[in-house]
Amino acid sequence: MVLKAQTLLVHIVDDDESVRKGLSRLMRSAAIESRAYESPERFLAEVRNERNACILMDITMPRMSGLELAAQIKEKGIKLPVIAISARDDDEMRQLALDLGVKFFLRKPVDDQALIDAISWVMQRGDGP
């Protein structure tokens, strides 16, 4: 799947610096702008609804989990589509994420092309949580 020739922005929320750097590099290689956040709290303090943007977040983070972040995104009326990544991949986790408005759920380690395809899919749909 090919991304449209518009500027796309992916907000990366992950407590692991090496994961944030790796995902940021992947976004650059796909000509996608990214902003990385080391915590859900920082993300929530800085993010705004924007056109052509989505959220890529880890599920397992200290202080606030990705599921708690998804609930906060929904509560605050942030209308950006959410893609979740997690080392924990079971039916219960997936269903909880989907119930909170997550549009795509990928297991770590994430296949680069699968992630780019997921971003393309949520951006083309254009619907948030």
C-alpha atoms as a PDB file:
ATOM      1  CA  MET A   1       0.000   0.000   0.000  1.00  0.00           C
ATOM      2  CA  VAL A   2       1.362   3.424  -0.928  1.00  0.00           C
ATOM      3  CA  LEU A   3       0.868   6.464   1.265  1.00  0.00           C
ATOM      4  CA  LYS A   4      -0.623   9.595  -0.274  1.00  0.00           C
ATOM      5  CA  ALA A   5       1.676  12.441  -1.256  1.00  0.00           C
ATOM      6  CA  GLN A   6       0.609  14.562   1.728  1.00  0.00           C
ATOM      7  CA  THR A   7       2.497  15.238   4.909  1.00  0.00           C
ATOM      8  CA  LEU A   8       1.629  12.601   7.471  1.00  0.00           C
ATOM      9  CA  LEU A   9       2.451  12.819  11.161  1.00  0.00           C
ATOM     10  CA  VAL A  10       2.779   9.891  13.546  1.00  0.00           C
ATOM     11  CA  HIS A  11       2.871  10.570  17.295  1.00  0.00           C
ATOM     12  CA  ILE A  12       5.025   7.799  18.812  1.00  0.00           C
ATOM     13  CA  VAL A  13       4.378   7.092  22.502  1.00  0.00           C
ATOM     14  CA  ASP A  14       6.748   4.529  24.024  1.00  0.00           C
ATOM     15  CA  ASP A  15       8.789   4.530  27.227  1.00  0.00           C
ATOM     16  CA  ASP A  16      11.699   2.679  25.555  1.00  0.00           C
ATOM     17  CA  GLU A  17      14.127   5.136  23.949  1.00  0.00           C
ATOM     18  CA  SER A  18      15.547   2.568  21.514  1.00  0.00           C
ATOM     19  CA  VAL A  19      12.029   1.722  20.298  1.00  0.00           C
ATOM     20  CA  ARG A  20      11.190   5.425  19.853  1.00  0.00           C
ATOM     21  CA  LYS A  21      14.391   5.978  17.880  1.00  0.00           C
ATOM     22  CA  GLY A  22      13.823   2.893  15.729  1.00  0.00           C
ATOM     23  CA  LEU A  23      10.234   3.837  14.953  1.00  0.00           C
ATOM     24  CA  SER A  24      11.270   7.425  14.201  1.00  0.00           C
ATOM     25  CA  ARG A  25      13.901   6.133  11.754  1.00  0.00           C
ATOM     26  CA  LEU A  26      11.322   3.913  10.098  1.00  0.00           C
ATOM     27  CA  MET A  27       8.958   6.863   9.711  1.00  0.00           C
ATOM     28  CA  ARG A  28      11.722   8.971   8.126  1.00  0.00           C
ATOM     29  CA  SER A  29      12.519   6.169   5.671  1.00  0.00           C
ATOM     30  CA  ALA A  30       8.836   6.140   4.647  1.00  0.00           C
ATOM     31  CA  ALA A  31       8.740   9.955   4.317  1.00  0.00           C
ATOM     32  CA  ILE A  32       6.457  10.277   7.345  1.00  0.00           C
ATOM     33  CA  GLU A  33       7.007  12.967   9.948  1.00  0.00           C
ATOM     34  CA  SER A  34       7.072  11.757  13.551  1.00  0.00           C
ATOM     35  CA  ARG A  35       7.100  13.168  17.049  1.00  0.00           C
ATOM     36  CA  ALA A  36       8.259  10.912  19.862  1.00  0.00           C
ATOM     37  CA  TYR A  37       7.098  11.041  23.482  1.00  0.00           C
ATOM     38  CA  GLU A  38       8.709   9.134  26.338  1.00  0.00           C
ATOM     39  CA  SER A  39       5.527   9.068  28.396  1.00  0.00           C
ATOM     40  CA  PRO A  40       1.761   9.179  27.937  1.00  0.00           C
ATOM     41  CA  GLU A  41       1.653  12.171  30.269  1.00  0.00           C
ATOM     42  CA  ARG A  42       3.956  14.224  28.041  1.00  0.00           C
ATOM     43  CA  PHE A  43       2.002  13.175  24.971  1.00  0.00           C
ATOM     44  CA  LEU A  44      -1.313  14.246  26.535  1.00  0.00           C
ATOM     45  CA  ALA A  45       0.187  17.595  27.567  1.00  0.00           C
ATOM     46  CA  GLU A  46       1.394  18.372  24.045  1.00  0.00           C
ATOM     47  CA  VAL A  47      -0.889  16.687  21.494  1.00  0.00           C
ATOM     48  CA  ARG A  48      -3.628  18.505  19.612  1.00  0.00           C
ATOM     49  CA  ASN A  49      -6.134  17.331  17.038  1.00  0.00           C
ATOM     50  CA  GLU A  50      -4.445  17.714  13.663  1.00  0.00           C
ATOM     51  CA  ARG A  51      -5.167  16.724  10.119  1.00  0.00           C
ATOM     52  CA  ASN A  52      -3.225  13.795   8.650  1.00  0.00           C
ATOM     53  CA  ALA A  53      -1.966  12.547  12.016  1.00  0.00           C
ATOM     54  CA  CYS A  54      -2.255   9.342  14.014  1.00  0.00           C
ATOM     55  CA  ILE A  55      -0.970   7.871  17.265  1.00  0.00           C
ATOM     56  CA  LEU A  56       1.349   4.869  17.560  1.00  0.00           C
ATOM     57  CA  MET A  57       1.566   3.731  21.168  1.00  0.00           C
ATOM     58  CA  ASP A  58       2.960   0.939  23.252  1.00  0.00           C
ATOM     59  CA  ILE A  59       0.526  -0.883  25.514  1.00  0.00           C
ATOM     60  CA  THR A  60       2.948  -1.702  28.355  1.00  0.00           C
ATOM     61  CA  MET A  61       4.352   1.460  29.931  1.00  0.00           C
ATOM     62  CA  PRO A  62       4.985   2.449  33.570  1.00  0.00           C
ATOM     63  CA  ARG A  63       2.689   4.896  35.417  1.00  0.00           C
ATOM     64  CA  MET A  64       0.063   4.897  32.625  1.00  0.00           C
ATOM     65  CA  SER A  65      -0.520   1.926  30.340  1.00  0.00           C
ATOM     66  CA  GLY A  66      -1.446   2.212  26.695  1.00  0.00           C
ATOM     67  CA  LEU A  67      -4.966   1.113  27.588  1.00  0.00           C
ATOM     68  CA  GLU A  68      -5.216   3.936  30.131  1.00  0.00           C
ATOM     69  CA  LEU A  69      -3.822   6.316  27.506  1.00  0.00           C
ATOM     70  CA  ALA A  70      -6.442   5.144  24.985  1.00  0.00           C
ATOM     71  CA  ALA A  71      -9.143   5.878  27.584  1.00  0.00           C
ATOM     72  CA  GLN A  72      -7.670   9.374  28.166  1.00  0.00           C
ATOM     73  CA  ILE A  73      -7.519  10.030  24.403  1.00  0.00           C
ATOM     74  CA  LYS A  74     -11.185   9.139  24.144  1.00  0.00           C
ATOM     75  CA  GLU A  75     -12.144  11.159  27.246  1.00  0.00           C
ATOM     76  CA  LYS A  76     -10.271  14.272  26.086  1.00  0.00           C
ATOM     77  CA  GLY A  77     -11.915  14.169  22.641  1.00  0.00           C
ATOM     78  CA  ILE A  78      -8.669  13.650  20.752  1.00  0.00           C
ATOM     79  CA  LYS A  79      -9.860  12.490  17.325  1.00  0.00           C
ATOM     80  CA  LEU A  80      -6.658  10.912  16.016  1.00  0.00           C
ATOM     81  CA  PRO A  81      -6.678   7.244  14.987  1.00  0.00           C
ATOM     82  CA  VAL A  82      -4.672   4.986  17.314  1.00  0.00           C
ATOM     83  CA  ILE A  83      -2.403   2.055  16.476  1.00  0.00           C
ATOM     84  CA  ALA A  84      -1.261  -0.041  19.448  1.00  0.00           C
ATOM     85  CA  ILE A  85       1.832  -2.229  19.634  1.00  0.00           C
ATOM     86  CA  SER A  86       2.482  -4.729  22.376  1.00  0.00           C
ATOM     87  CA  ALA A  87       4.578  -7.728  23.311  1.00  0.00           C
ATOM     88  CA  ARG A  88       1.436  -9.062  24.988  1.00  0.00           C
ATOM     89  CA  ASP A  89      -0.882 -10.325  22.275  1.00  0.00           C
ATOM     90  CA  ASP A  90      -3.933 -12.196  23.450  1.00  0.00           C
ATOM     91  CA  ASP A  91      -7.658 -11.980  22.757  1.00  0.00           C
ATOM     92  CA  GLU A  92      -8.405 -10.133  25.993  1.00  0.00           C
ATOM     93  CA  MET A  93      -5.767  -7.436  25.376  1.00  0.00           C
ATOM     94  CA  ARG A  94      -6.896  -6.957  21.772  1.00  0.00           C
ATOM     95  CA  GLN A  95     -10.553  -6.679  22.793  1.00  0.00           C
ATOM     96  CA  LEU A  96      -9.799  -4.168  25.550  1.00  0.00           C
ATOM     97  CA  ALA A  97      -7.830  -2.053  23.074  1.00  0.00           C
ATOM     98  CA  LEU A  98     -10.554  -2.230  20.425  1.00  0.00           C
ATOM     99  CA  ASP A  99     -13.217  -1.312  23.000  1.00  0.00           C
ATOM    100  CA  LEU A 100     -11.201   1.834  23.771  1.00  0.00           C
ATOM    101  CA  GLY A 101     -11.090   2.875  20.108  1.00  0.00           C
ATOM    102  CA  VAL A 102      -7.753   1.452  18.981  1.00  0.00           C
ATOM    103  CA  LYS A 103      -7.978   0.939  15.207  1.00  0.00           C
ATOM    104  CA  PHE A 104      -5.049  -1.453  14.736  1.00  0.00           C
ATOM    105  CA  PHE A 105      -3.181  -3.764  17.121  1.00  0.00           C
ATOM    106  CA  LEU A 106       0.265  -5.120  16.198  1.00  0.00           C
ATOM    107  CA  ARG A 107       2.524  -7.490  18.086  1.00  0.00           C
ATOM    108  CA  LYS A 108       6.150  -6.622  18.929  1.00  0.00           C
ATOM    109  CA  PRO A 109       8.503  -6.982  17.257  1.00  0.00           C
ATOM    110  CA  VAL A 110       6.562  -5.149  14.583  1.00  0.00           C
ATOM    111  CA  ASP A 111       7.146  -5.918  10.923  1.00  0.00           C
ATOM    112  CA  ASP A 112       8.150  -2.622   9.261  1.00  0.00           C
ATOM    113  CA  GLN A 113       5.928  -3.045   6.205  1.00  0.00           C
ATOM    114  CA  ALA A 114       2.953  -4.170   8.293  1.00  0.00           C
ATOM    115  CA  LEU A 115       3.309  -1.017  10.404  1.00  0.00           C
ATOM    116  CA  ILE A 116       3.551   1.287   7.374  1.00  0.00           C
ATOM    117  CA  ASP A 117       0.489  -0.465   5.900  1.00  0.00           C
ATOM    118  CA  ALA A 118      -1.424   0.000   9.175  1.00  0.00           C
ATOM    119  CA  ILE A 119      -0.551   3.714   9.228  1.00  0.00           C
ATOM    120  CA  SER A 120      -1.656   4.045   5.617  1.00  0.00           C
ATOM    121  CA  TRP A 121      -4.912   2.248   6.390  1.00  0.00           C
ATOM    122  CA  VAL A 122      -5.857   4.378   9.412  1.00  0.00           C
ATOM    123  CA  MET A 123      -4.866   7.588   7.637  1.00  0.00           C
ATOM    124  CA  GLN A 124      -6.946   6.763   4.561  1.00  0.00           C
ATOM    125  CA  ARG A 125      -9.954   5.951   6.762  1.00  0.00           C
ATOM    126  CA  GLY A 126      -9.430   9.227   8.602  1.00  0.00           C
ATOM    127  CA  ASP A 127     -11.471   8.294  11.646  1.00  0.00           C
ATOM    128  CA  GLY A 128     -10.302   8.620  15.206  1.00  0.00           C
ATOM    129  CA  PRO A 129     -11.452   6.778  18.314  1.00  0.00           C
END
